[in-house]
């Protein structure tokens, strides 16, 4: 008898949880916003839409944005902050600062060597690919400089 009552209680709890979940999901999706609002706006005298047409107006639902536009900016900010903390915890900059700085300096040396190699091997008949490579390598140096500033600032 004890087992069957517990089983019935679990089934009831499951169905109640499902109903509550469904209600909250529908609230977040905006069930009212997705319906046509002709009951509310169709017979209001003098009402027109943006194009000047009168008649039945509809309200379209706005899907929640995954980016930081308008009302979703708070959630977007929280997601970004969470990701920043995750990376900071992963990198442990305070502990490995010297290793990171040495790595960045060696990468800078590597980029300088690649730039010199590219400059000394430019094809005179078609120099554009080498110039594009030099530009990319130069932008890489700038990125490495910004990374070094970030590591230095994270103490």
Protein backbone atom coordinates (compact mmCIF):
# COMPACT_ATOMS: atom_id res chain seq x y z
CA UNK A 1 0.00 0.00 0.00
CA UNK A 2 2.85 2.38 0.82
CA UNK A 3 4.51 1.83 -2.55
CA UNK A 4 1.36 2.49 -4.58
CA UNK A 5 0.60 5.75 -2.73
CA UNK A 6 4.18 6.97 -3.30
CA UNK A 7 3.92 6.02 -6.97
CA UNK A 8 0.63 7.91 -7.35
CA UNK A 9 2.14 10.95 -5.62
CA UNK A 10 5.12 10.88 -8.01
CA UNK A 11 2.80 10.72 -11.03
CA UNK A 12 0.77 13.67 -9.72
CA UNK A 13 3.97 15.62 -9.04
CA UNK A 14 5.21 14.89 -12.56
CA UNK A 15 1.99 16.13 -14.16
CA UNK A 16 1.93 19.25 -11.98
CA UNK A 17 5.54 19.97 -12.90
CA UNK A 18 4.75 19.51 -16.59
CA UNK A 19 1.78 21.87 -16.37
CA UNK A 20 3.80 24.52 -14.51
CA UNK A 21 6.65 24.22 -17.03
CA UNK A 22 4.23 24.57 -19.94
CA UNK A 23 2.58 27.64 -18.42
CA UNK A 24 5.93 29.36 -17.85
CA UNK A 25 7.18 28.43 -21.34
CA UNK A 26 4.05 29.92 -22.91
CA UNK A 27 4.46 33.05 -20.79
CA UNK A 28 8.03 33.50 -22.07
CA UNK A 29 7.00 32.90 -25.68
CA UNK A 30 4.24 35.47 -25.39
CA UNK A 31 1.08 33.56 -26.39
CA UNK A 32 -0.97 36.73 -26.51
CA UNK A 33 1.50 38.58 -28.73
CA UNK A 34 1.35 35.95 -31.48
CA UNK A 35 -2.42 36.16 -32.05
CA UNK A 36 -4.22 38.51 -34.32
CA UNK A 37 -5.69 41.38 -32.41
CA UNK A 38 -8.62 42.07 -34.71
CA UNK A 39 -10.95 41.85 -31.73
CA UNK A 40 -9.14 44.79 -30.16
CA UNK A 41 -8.25 47.05 -33.09
CA UNK A 42 -10.51 46.31 -36.05
CA UNK A 43 -13.49 48.45 -35.07
CA UNK A 44 -11.73 51.48 -33.63
CA UNK A 45 -12.79 54.43 -35.73
CA UNK A 46 -10.02 56.28 -37.51
CA UNK A 47 -7.29 53.78 -36.74
CA UNK A 48 -4.81 53.09 -39.53
CA UNK A 49 -1.55 51.23 -39.71
CA UNK A 50 1.81 52.80 -40.63
CA UNK A 51 1.05 52.55 -44.35
CA UNK A 52 -2.24 54.39 -43.92
CA UNK A 53 -4.44 51.33 -44.40
CA UNK A 54 -7.39 50.89 -42.12
CA UNK A 55 -8.83 47.56 -41.20
CA UNK A 56 -7.64 44.62 -39.23
CA UNK A 57 -4.36 45.16 -37.48
CA UNK A 58 -2.18 42.36 -36.26
CA UNK A 59 0.38 42.27 -33.55
CA UNK A 60 3.39 40.21 -34.46
CA UNK A 61 5.36 38.40 -31.84
CA UNK A 62 8.91 39.41 -31.26
CA UNK A 63 11.11 36.45 -30.59
CA UNK A 64 13.61 36.95 -27.82
CA UNK A 65 16.94 37.92 -29.28
CA UNK A 66 20.09 36.00 -28.49
CA UNK A 67 22.10 39.20 -28.77
CA UNK A 68 21.97 42.29 -26.61
CA UNK A 69 19.22 44.17 -28.39
CA UNK A 70 16.71 46.01 -26.20
CA UNK A 71 15.13 43.95 -23.42
CA UNK A 72 17.57 41.09 -23.76
CA UNK A 73 20.65 43.19 -22.98
CA UNK A 74 20.67 42.18 -19.31
CA UNK A 75 20.72 38.46 -20.15
CA UNK A 76 23.28 39.10 -22.87
CA UNK A 77 25.53 40.94 -20.41
CA UNK A 78 25.21 38.16 -17.85
CA UNK A 79 26.15 35.58 -20.48
CA UNK A 80 29.23 37.56 -21.52
CA UNK A 81 30.27 38.13 -17.89
CA UNK A 82 29.91 34.41 -17.21
CA UNK A 83 32.10 33.60 -20.22
CA UNK A 84 34.75 36.16 -19.10
CA UNK A 85 34.89 34.61 -15.64
CA UNK A 86 35.13 31.14 -17.16
CA UNK A 87 38.15 32.19 -19.25
CA UNK A 88 39.79 34.02 -16.36
CA UNK A 89 39.44 30.91 -14.21
CA UNK A 90 40.85 28.80 -17.03
CA UNK A 91 43.92 30.94 -17.76
CA UNK A 92 45.04 31.73 -14.18
CA UNK A 93 46.95 34.76 -15.43
CA UNK A 94 48.34 35.70 -12.03
CA UNK A 95 49.92 32.27 -11.67
CA UNK A 96 51.25 31.87 -15.21
CA UNK A 97 51.87 35.53 -16.12
CA UNK A 98 55.59 35.10 -16.81
CA UNK A 99 55.00 32.07 -19.03
CA UNK A 100 52.29 33.92 -20.97
CA UNK A 101 54.49 36.99 -21.44
CA UNK A 102 57.43 34.87 -22.64
CA UNK A 103 55.17 33.00 -25.05
CA UNK A 104 53.79 36.24 -26.47
CA UNK A 105 57.31 37.66 -26.87
CA UNK A 106 58.43 34.50 -28.71
CA UNK A 107 55.36 34.69 -30.94
CA UNK A 108 56.28 38.29 -31.71
CA UNK A 109 59.79 37.14 -32.67
CA UNK A 110 58.25 34.47 -34.88
CA UNK A 111 56.03 37.03 -36.61
CA UNK A 112 59.03 39.32 -37.14
CA UNK A 113 60.96 36.45 -38.72
CA UNK A 114 58.04 35.56 -40.96
CA UNK A 115 57.70 39.21 -42.00
CA UNK A 116 61.40 39.37 -42.89
CA UNK A 117 61.15 36.10 -44.81
CA UNK A 118 58.10 37.39 -46.70
CA UNK A 119 59.75 40.73 -47.48
CA UNK A 120 62.87 38.99 -48.82
CA UNK A 121 60.89 36.59 -51.01
CA UNK A 122 58.45 38.92 -52.76
CA UNK A 123 57.70 37.83 -56.30
CA UNK A 124 58.33 40.90 -58.49
CA UNK A 125 55.87 39.68 -61.12
CA UNK A 126 53.04 39.21 -58.60
CA UNK A 127 53.84 41.03 -55.32
CA UNK A 128 50.23 41.37 -54.07
CA UNK A 129 50.02 37.99 -52.23
CA UNK A 130 53.21 38.82 -50.33
CA UNK A 131 51.88 42.27 -49.46
CA UNK A 132 48.66 40.72 -48.18
CA UNK A 133 50.71 38.31 -46.08
CA UNK A 134 52.80 41.20 -44.69
CA UNK A 135 49.63 43.10 -43.83
CA UNK A 136 48.22 40.06 -42.04
CA UNK A 137 51.46 39.52 -40.14
CA UNK A 138 51.54 43.20 -39.17
CA UNK A 139 47.97 42.93 -37.83
CA UNK A 140 49.10 39.85 -35.91
CA UNK A 141 51.82 41.94 -34.23
CA UNK A 142 49.17 44.44 -33.20
CA UNK A 143 47.01 41.64 -31.80
CA UNK A 144 49.96 40.24 -29.84
CA UNK A 145 50.61 43.71 -28.44
CA UNK A 146 46.99 43.94 -27.30
CA UNK A 147 47.21 40.50 -25.69
CA UNK A 148 50.35 41.57 -23.83
CA UNK A 149 48.55 44.67 -22.56
CA UNK A 150 45.70 42.47 -21.35
CA UNK A 151 48.04 40.08 -19.54
CA UNK A 152 49.91 43.02 -17.96
CA UNK A 153 46.64 44.63 -16.84
CA UNK A 154 45.33 41.39 -15.27
CA UNK A 155 47.13 41.36 -11.97
